[in-house]
Amino acid sequence: MMAEGELFKKLIWMFKVQDCCHICLFCRYYEVCITEEPEKGTWRRMNMRYALKSEDTEQITVIQWAQHNVCRNPELKWLYHCPNGGSRNQREAVKLKQMGVKAGVADLCLPYPKGIYCGLYIEMKYGSNRQQESQKEFLKDMAAAGHFVATCYSAEEAIAVIKEYLDLPHSGKEESVIRDVARFTEDERLRRELATNLMQIPNNSILKDGGIKGGAM
């Protein structure tokens, strides 16, 4: 039976930890969690390994992966998030709108040209969340402008898209022309060469649960 003092300590710890999907009283990770005490007056952020999954945690995982791989791919230094969402009071919302914040802008941007694309945009979703109309419009416009865009429902899918994008060479050719030539040419060598400048999945795809949907311009 749990000692009264230990019970009290675990109850107190429950209020110090944020975004945790476990109950401290019965959590097998409790000893791991308390190894580093939070600084006085601060909240301890729970290890992402034990956090409740959400669009935010998936995106944080992508950014953490990028930070750990900057030496291998220096472009990842400038993978950034445009904070257009979230709850704000009315005054702050008006100010940000005046400063240029726009609804629909994708969550992640990698502003480097690769292959036939001039940049990469990724919209992060999770669970049953769907694209808003403003997000669909933004992704469609960016794809038409020459970016590669995708909507990903997990960190794994987003990381896979980024990895493939980073492996593309730099080129300024038109996607539709290259796709048509690569598809219909009888020259196998030319087809392979052109294919190296293209992402394997269609532009503006939705990646969820290991499947790919959409891809319409």
C-alpha atoms as a PDB file:
ATOM      1  CA  MET A   1       0.000   0.000   0.000  1.00  0.00           C
ATOM      2  CA  MET A   2       1.274   3.488  -0.891  1.00  0.00           C
ATOM      3  CA  ALA A   3       2.552   5.525   2.052  1.00  0.00           C
ATOM      4  CA  GLU A   4       0.617   8.688   2.881  1.00  0.00           C
ATOM      5  CA  GLY A   5       3.655  10.889   2.221  1.00  0.00           C
ATOM      6  CA  GLU A   6       4.294   9.299  -1.179  1.00  0.00           C
ATOM      7  CA  LEU A   7       0.629   9.692  -2.096  1.00  0.00           C
ATOM      8  CA  PHE A   8       0.767  13.399  -1.234  1.00  0.00           C
ATOM      9  CA  LYS A   9       3.968  13.888  -3.288  1.00  0.00           C
ATOM     10  CA  LYS A  10       2.398  12.283  -6.350  1.00  0.00           C
ATOM     11  CA  LEU A  11      -0.747  14.380  -6.025  1.00  0.00           C
ATOM     12  CA  ILE A  12       1.341  17.561  -5.857  1.00  0.00           C
ATOM     13  CA  TRP A  13       3.428  16.460  -8.857  1.00  0.00           C
ATOM     14  CA  MET A  14       0.289  16.033 -10.960  1.00  0.00           C
ATOM     15  CA  PHE A  15      -0.225  19.810 -10.800  1.00  0.00           C
ATOM     16  CA  LYS A  16       3.371  20.543 -11.824  1.00  0.00           C
ATOM     17  CA  VAL A  17       3.340  18.575 -15.065  1.00  0.00           C
ATOM     18  CA  GLN A  18       1.545  19.733 -18.211  1.00  0.00           C
ATOM     19  CA  ASP A  19       0.265  17.794 -21.230  1.00  0.00           C
ATOM     20  CA  CYS A  20       0.674  14.372 -19.644  1.00  0.00           C
ATOM     21  CA  CYS A  21      -1.594  11.458 -20.578  1.00  0.00           C
ATOM     22  CA  HIS A  22      -0.824   9.476 -17.397  1.00  0.00           C
ATOM     23  CA  ILE A  23      -2.053   9.712 -13.804  1.00  0.00           C
ATOM     24  CA  CYS A  24       0.920  10.085 -11.460  1.00  0.00           C
ATOM     25  CA  LEU A  25      -0.598   7.820  -8.792  1.00  0.00           C
ATOM     26  CA  PHE A  26      -0.385   4.821 -11.101  1.00  0.00           C
ATOM     27  CA  CYS A  27       2.190   5.933 -13.675  1.00  0.00           C
ATOM     28  CA  ARG A  28       5.140   3.635 -14.343  1.00  0.00           C
ATOM     29  CA  TYR A  29       7.127   6.640 -15.619  1.00  0.00           C
ATOM     30  CA  TYR A  30       6.789   8.605 -12.383  1.00  0.00           C
ATOM     31  CA  GLU A  31      10.395   7.988 -11.256  1.00  0.00           C
ATOM     32  CA  VAL A  32      11.691   9.065 -14.683  1.00  0.00           C
ATOM     33  CA  CYS A  33       9.516  12.146 -14.666  1.00  0.00           C
ATOM     34  CA  ILE A  34      10.768  13.445 -11.309  1.00  0.00           C
ATOM     35  CA  THR A  35      14.489  12.977 -11.993  1.00  0.00           C
ATOM     36  CA  GLU A  36      14.792  16.690 -12.827  1.00  0.00           C
ATOM     37  CA  GLU A  37      12.954  18.997 -10.479  1.00  0.00           C
ATOM     38  CA  PRO A  38      11.456  22.131 -12.090  1.00  0.00           C
ATOM     39  CA  GLU A  39      12.969  25.474 -11.219  1.00  0.00           C
ATOM     40  CA  LYS A  40      11.123  27.440  -8.596  1.00  0.00           C
ATOM     41  CA  GLY A  41       8.185  29.351 -10.037  1.00  0.00           C
ATOM     42  CA  THR A  42       8.184  27.427 -13.336  1.00  0.00           C
ATOM     43  CA  TRP A  43       6.155  24.598 -14.796  1.00  0.00           C
ATOM     44  CA  ARG A  44       7.948  21.447 -15.906  1.00  0.00           C
ATOM     45  CA  ARG A  45       7.088  20.495 -19.452  1.00  0.00           C
ATOM     46  CA  MET A  46       6.446  16.759 -19.766  1.00  0.00           C
ATOM     47  CA  ASN A  47       8.760  14.715 -21.968  1.00  0.00           C
ATOM     48  CA  MET A  48       7.200  14.498 -25.439  1.00  0.00           C
ATOM     49  CA  ARG A  49       7.410  10.733 -25.148  1.00  0.00           C
ATOM     50  CA  TYR A  50       4.607  10.784 -22.593  1.00  0.00           C
ATOM     51  CA  ALA A  51       2.621  13.765 -23.877  1.00  0.00           C
ATOM     52  CA  LEU A  52      -0.918  13.582 -25.199  1.00  0.00           C
ATOM     53  CA  LYS A  53      -0.676  13.505 -28.968  1.00  0.00           C
ATOM     54  CA  SER A  54      -2.105  16.452 -30.864  1.00  0.00           C
ATOM     55  CA  GLU A  55      -1.358  18.591 -33.901  1.00  0.00           C
ATOM     56  CA  ASP A  56       0.951  20.657 -31.694  1.00  0.00           C
ATOM     57  CA  THR A  57       2.959  17.704 -30.359  1.00  0.00           C
ATOM     58  CA  GLU A  58       3.349  16.237 -33.858  1.00  0.00           C
ATOM     59  CA  GLN A  59       4.662  19.565 -35.130  1.00  0.00           C
ATOM     60  CA  ILE A  60       7.018  19.914 -32.170  1.00  0.00           C
ATOM     61  CA  THR A  61       8.381  16.456 -32.978  1.00  0.00           C
ATOM     62  CA  VAL A  62       9.059  17.556 -36.574  1.00  0.00           C
ATOM     63  CA  ILE A  63      10.905  20.671 -35.399  1.00  0.00           C
ATOM     64  CA  GLN A  64      12.939  18.678 -32.863  1.00  0.00           C
ATOM     65  CA  TRP A  65      13.911  16.234 -35.609  1.00  0.00           C
ATOM     66  CA  ALA A  66      14.942  19.161 -37.826  1.00  0.00           C
ATOM     67  CA  GLN A  67      17.066  20.673 -35.063  1.00  0.00           C
ATOM     68  CA  HIS A  68      18.895  17.371 -34.604  1.00  0.00           C
ATOM     69  CA  ASN A  69      19.589  17.039 -38.331  1.00  0.00           C
ATOM     70  CA  VAL A  70      20.821  20.539 -39.207  1.00  0.00           C
ATOM     71  CA  CYS A  71      24.412  19.314 -39.537  1.00  0.00           C
ATOM     72  CA  ARG A  72      23.338  16.789 -42.163  1.00  0.00           C
ATOM     73  CA  ASN A  73      20.931  19.146 -43.937  1.00  0.00           C
ATOM     74  CA  PRO A  74      21.818  22.812 -43.246  1.00  0.00           C
ATOM     75  CA  GLU A  75      18.577  23.926 -44.938  1.00  0.00           C
ATOM     76  CA  LEU A  76      16.669  22.633 -41.903  1.00  0.00           C
ATOM     77  CA  LYS A  77      17.990  25.595 -39.925  1.00  0.00           C
ATOM     78  CA  TRP A  78      15.309  27.713 -41.614  1.00  0.00           C
ATOM     79  CA  LEU A  79      12.390  25.296 -41.351  1.00  0.00           C
ATOM     80  CA  TYR A  80       9.933  27.547 -39.550  1.00  0.00           C
ATOM     81  CA  HIS A  81       6.387  27.764 -38.241  1.00  0.00           C
ATOM     82  CA  CYS A  82       4.026  30.634 -39.058  1.00  0.00           C
ATOM     83  CA  PRO A  83       1.837  31.039 -35.929  1.00  0.00           C
ATOM     84  CA  ASN A  84      -1.463  32.043 -37.528  1.00  0.00           C
ATOM     85  CA  GLY A  85      -3.648  29.835 -35.336  1.00  0.00           C
ATOM     86  CA  GLY A  86      -4.279  29.690 -31.610  1.00  0.00           C
ATOM     87  CA  SER A  87      -6.556  31.606 -29.295  1.00  0.00           C
ATOM     88  CA  ARG A  88      -6.016  35.345 -28.876  1.00  0.00           C
ATOM     89  CA  ASN A  89      -7.934  38.189 -27.358  1.00  0.00           C
ATOM     90  CA  GLN A  90      -9.696  40.549 -29.756  1.00  0.00           C
ATOM     91  CA  ARG A  91      -7.196  43.408 -29.424  1.00  0.00           C
ATOM     92  CA  GLU A  92      -4.222  41.154 -30.136  1.00  0.00           C
ATOM     93  CA  ALA A  93      -6.029  39.489 -33.051  1.00  0.00           C
ATOM     94  CA  VAL A  94      -6.748  42.890 -34.658  1.00  0.00           C
ATOM     95  CA  LYS A  95      -3.142  44.001 -34.186  1.00  0.00           C
ATOM     96  CA  LEU A  96      -1.727  40.811 -35.706  1.00  0.00           C
ATOM     97  CA  LYS A  97      -4.096  41.088 -38.662  1.00  0.00           C
ATOM     98  CA  GLN A  98      -2.897  44.651 -39.243  1.00  0.00           C
ATOM     99  CA  MET A  99       0.683  43.361 -39.107  1.00  0.00           C
ATOM    100  CA  GLY A 100      -0.025  40.858 -41.881  1.00  0.00           C
ATOM    101  CA  VAL A 101      -1.109  37.636 -40.187  1.00  0.00           C
ATOM    102  CA  LYS A 102      -3.348  35.737 -42.609  1.00  0.00           C
ATOM    103  CA  ALA A 103      -5.663  32.792 -42.072  1.00  0.00           C
ATOM    104  CA  GLY A 104      -4.852  29.675 -44.056  1.00  0.00           C
ATOM    105  CA  VAL A 105      -1.059  29.950 -44.199  1.00  0.00           C
ATOM    106  CA  ALA A 106       0.475  26.492 -43.743  1.00  0.00           C
ATOM    107  CA  ASP A 107       2.104  25.513 -40.451  1.00  0.00           C
ATOM    108  CA  LEU A 108       5.606  24.736 -41.703  1.00  0.00           C
ATOM    109  CA  CYS A 109       7.711  26.275 -44.447  1.00  0.00           C
ATOM    110  CA  LEU A 110      11.112  25.276 -45.820  1.00  0.00           C
ATOM    111  CA  PRO A 111      12.066  28.204 -48.099  1.00  0.00           C
ATOM    112  CA  TYR A 112      14.625  26.430 -50.281  1.00  0.00           C
ATOM    113  CA  PRO A 113      14.212  25.518 -53.973  1.00  0.00           C
ATOM    114  CA  LYS A 114      14.655  21.817 -54.667  1.00  0.00           C
ATOM    115  CA  GLY A 115      14.047  19.861 -57.846  1.00  0.00           C
ATOM    116  CA  ILE A 116      11.425  21.772 -59.812  1.00  0.00           C
ATOM    117  CA  TYR A 117       9.927  23.397 -56.709  1.00  0.00           C
ATOM    118  CA  CYS A 118      10.697  26.818 -55.240  1.00  0.00           C
ATOM    119  CA  GLY A 119       9.881  25.863 -51.646  1.00  0.00           C
ATOM    120  CA  LEU A 120       8.011  23.468 -49.348  1.00  0.00           C
ATOM    121  CA  TYR A 121       4.860  24.058 -47.286  1.00  0.00           C
ATOM    122  CA  ILE A 122       3.365  21.504 -44.885  1.00  0.00           C
ATOM    123  CA  GLU A 123      -0.001  21.810 -43.179  1.00  0.00           C
ATOM    124  CA  MET A 124      -0.103  19.737 -39.976  1.00  0.00           C
ATOM    125  CA  LYS A 125      -3.297  17.980 -38.915  1.00  0.00           C
ATOM    126  CA  TYR A 126      -4.139  15.304 -36.380  1.00  0.00           C
ATOM    127  CA  GLY A 127      -6.936  12.828 -35.799  1.00  0.00           C
ATOM    128  CA  SER A 128     -10.209  13.849 -37.421  1.00  0.00           C
ATOM    129  CA  ASN A 129      -9.183  17.453 -38.107  1.00  0.00           C
ATOM    130  CA  ARG A 130      -9.843  18.653 -41.644  1.00  0.00           C
ATOM    131  CA  GLN A 131      -8.457  21.439 -43.801  1.00  0.00           C
ATOM    132  CA  GLN A 132     -10.235  24.766 -43.547  1.00  0.00           C
ATOM    133  CA  GLU A 133     -11.266  26.469 -46.768  1.00  0.00           C
ATOM    134  CA  SER A 134      -8.609  29.158 -46.300  1.00  0.00           C
ATOM    135  CA  GLN A 135      -5.972  26.430 -45.877  1.00  0.00           C
ATOM    136  CA  LYS A 136      -7.121  24.632 -49.030  1.00  0.00           C
ATOM    137  CA  GLU A 137      -6.955  27.916 -50.938  1.00  0.00           C
ATOM    138  CA  PHE A 138      -3.448  28.701 -49.669  1.00  0.00           C
ATOM    139  CA  LEU A 139      -2.076  25.249 -50.512  1.00  0.00           C
ATOM    140  CA  LYS A 140      -3.654  25.296 -53.970  1.00  0.00           C
ATOM    141  CA  ASP A 141      -2.225  28.751 -54.722  1.00  0.00           C
ATOM    142  CA  MET A 142       1.246  27.834 -53.452  1.00  0.00           C
ATOM    143  CA  ALA A 143       1.284  24.637 -55.528  1.00  0.00           C
ATOM    144  CA  ALA A 144       0.302  26.643 -58.601  1.00  0.00           C
ATOM    145  CA  ALA A 145       3.077  29.131 -57.818  1.00  0.00           C
ATOM    146  CA  GLY A 146       5.689  26.374 -57.886  1.00  0.00           C
ATOM    147  CA  HIS A 147       5.930  25.163 -54.293  1.00  0.00           C
ATOM    148  CA  PHE A 148       5.513  21.588 -53.182  1.00  0.00           C
ATOM    149  CA  VAL A 149       2.732  21.401 -50.590  1.00  0.00           C
ATOM    150  CA  ALA A 150       1.393  18.580 -48.452  1.00  0.00           C
ATOM    151  CA  THR A 151      -0.969  18.019 -45.535  1.00  0.00           C
ATOM    152  CA  CYS A 152       0.389  15.547 -42.973  1.00  0.00           C
ATOM    153  CA  TYR A 153      -1.449  13.890 -40.092  1.00  0.00           C
ATOM    154  CA  SER A 154       1.655  12.715 -38.230  1.00  0.00           C
ATOM    155  CA  ALA A 155       5.224  13.762 -37.557  1.00  0.00           C
ATOM    156  CA  GLU A 156       6.471  10.631 -39.316  1.00  0.00           C
ATOM    157  CA  GLU A 157       4.654  11.537 -42.533  1.00  0.00           C
ATOM    158  CA  ALA A 158       5.853  15.150 -42.404  1.00  0.00           C
ATOM    159  CA  ILE A 159       9.459  14.087 -41.794  1.00  0.00           C
ATOM    160  CA  ALA A 160       9.268  11.632 -44.717  1.00  0.00           C
ATOM    161  CA  VAL A 161       8.063  14.440 -47.020  1.00  0.00           C
ATOM    162  CA  ILE A 162      10.844  16.774 -45.839  1.00  0.00           C
ATOM    163  CA  LYS A 163      13.514  14.083 -46.290  1.00  0.00           C
ATOM    164  CA  GLU A 164      12.408  13.332 -49.838  1.00  0.00           C
ATOM    165  CA  TYR A 165      12.239  17.044 -50.648  1.00  0.00           C
ATOM    166  CA  LEU A 166      15.766  17.645 -49.352  1.00  0.00           C
ATOM    167  CA  ASP A 167      17.080  14.830 -51.545  1.00  0.00           C
ATOM    168  CA  LEU A 168      15.868  16.566 -54.717  1.00  0.00           C
ATOM    169  CA  PRO A 169      18.442  18.445 -56.818  1.00  0.00           C
ATOM    170  CA  HIS A 170      17.977  22.110 -57.589  1.00  0.00           C
ATOM    171  CA  SER A 171      16.224  22.945 -60.846  1.00  0.00           C
ATOM    172  CA  GLY A 172      13.879  25.573 -62.242  1.00  0.00           C
ATOM    173  CA  LYS A 173      11.850  23.463 -64.679  1.00  0.00           C
ATOM    174  CA  GLU A 174       8.075  23.355 -64.916  1.00  0.00           C
ATOM    175  CA  GLU A 175       6.526  20.453 -63.005  1.00  0.00           C
ATOM    176  CA  SER A 176       3.673  19.639 -65.356  1.00  0.00           C
ATOM    177  CA  VAL A 177       5.944  19.526 -68.413  1.00  0.00           C
ATOM    178  CA  ILE A 178       8.492  17.312 -66.693  1.00  0.00           C
ATOM    179  CA  ARG A 179       5.814  14.959 -65.382  1.00  0.00           C
ATOM    180  CA  ASP A 180       4.314  14.561 -68.848  1.00  0.00           C
ATOM    181  CA  VAL A 181       7.679  13.939 -70.482  1.00  0.00           C
ATOM    182  CA  ALA A 182       8.725  11.507 -67.739  1.00  0.00           C
ATOM    183  CA  ARG A 183       5.422   9.656 -68.089  1.00  0.00           C
ATOM    184  CA  PHE A 184       5.246   9.332 -71.863  1.00  0.00           C
ATOM    185  CA  THR A 185       8.837   9.238 -73.055  1.00  0.00           C
ATOM    186  CA  GLU A 186      10.120   5.927 -74.347  1.00  0.00           C
ATOM    187  CA  ASP A 187      13.650   6.893 -73.401  1.00  0.00           C
ATOM    188  CA  GLU A 188      14.143   5.101 -70.071  1.00  0.00           C
ATOM    189  CA  ARG A 189      17.318   7.019 -69.285  1.00  0.00           C
ATOM    190  CA  LEU A 190      15.575  10.359 -69.837  1.00  0.00           C
ATOM    191  CA  ARG A 191      12.579   9.228 -67.782  1.00  0.00           C
ATOM    192  CA  ARG A 192      14.784   8.303 -64.818  1.00  0.00           C
ATOM    193  CA  GLU A 193      16.716  11.580 -65.055  1.00  0.00           C
ATOM    194  CA  LEU A 194      13.524  13.636 -65.089  1.00  0.00           C
ATOM    195  CA  ALA A 195      12.010  11.612 -62.258  1.00  0.00           C
ATOM    196  CA  THR A 196      14.896  12.590 -59.964  1.00  0.00           C
ATOM    197  CA  ASN A 197      13.587  16.180 -60.056  1.00  0.00           C
ATOM    198  CA  LEU A 198      10.094  15.214 -58.894  1.00  0.00           C
ATOM    199  CA  MET A 199       8.582  14.217 -55.567  1.00  0.00           C
ATOM    200  CA  GLN A 200       7.105  10.719 -55.692  1.00  0.00           C
ATOM    201  CA  ILE A 201       3.748  11.790 -54.273  1.00  0.00           C
ATOM    202  CA  PRO A 202       1.487  14.234 -56.169  1.00  0.00           C
ATOM    203  CA  ASN A 203       1.648  17.904 -55.223  1.00  0.00           C
ATOM    204  CA  ASN A 204      -0.955  19.045 -52.659  1.00  0.00           C
ATOM    205  CA  SER A 205      -1.451  15.534 -51.261  1.00  0.00           C
ATOM    206  CA  ILE A 206      -2.956  14.639 -47.885  1.00  0.00           C
ATOM    207  CA  LEU A 207      -0.926  12.060 -45.955  1.00  0.00           C
ATOM    208  CA  LYS A 208      -2.825  10.217 -43.226  1.00  0.00           C
ATOM    209  CA  ASP A 209      -2.458   6.778 -41.616  1.00  0.00           C
ATOM    210  CA  GLY A 210       0.084   5.690 -44.210  1.00  0.00           C
ATOM    211  CA  GLY A 211      -2.192   6.559 -47.147  1.00  0.00           C
ATOM    212  CA  ILE A 212      -2.126   9.373 -49.703  1.00  0.00           C
ATOM    213  CA  LYS A 213      -5.200  11.263 -50.838  1.00  0.00           C
ATOM    214  CA  GLY A 214      -5.845  14.234 -53.065  1.00  0.00           C
ATOM    215  CA  GLY A 215      -3.035  15.650 -55.102  1.00  0.00           C
ATOM    216  CA  ALA A 216      -5.254  17.900 -57.194  1.00  0.00           C
ATOM    217  CA  MET A 217      -3.900  21.275 -58.178  1.00  0.00           C
END
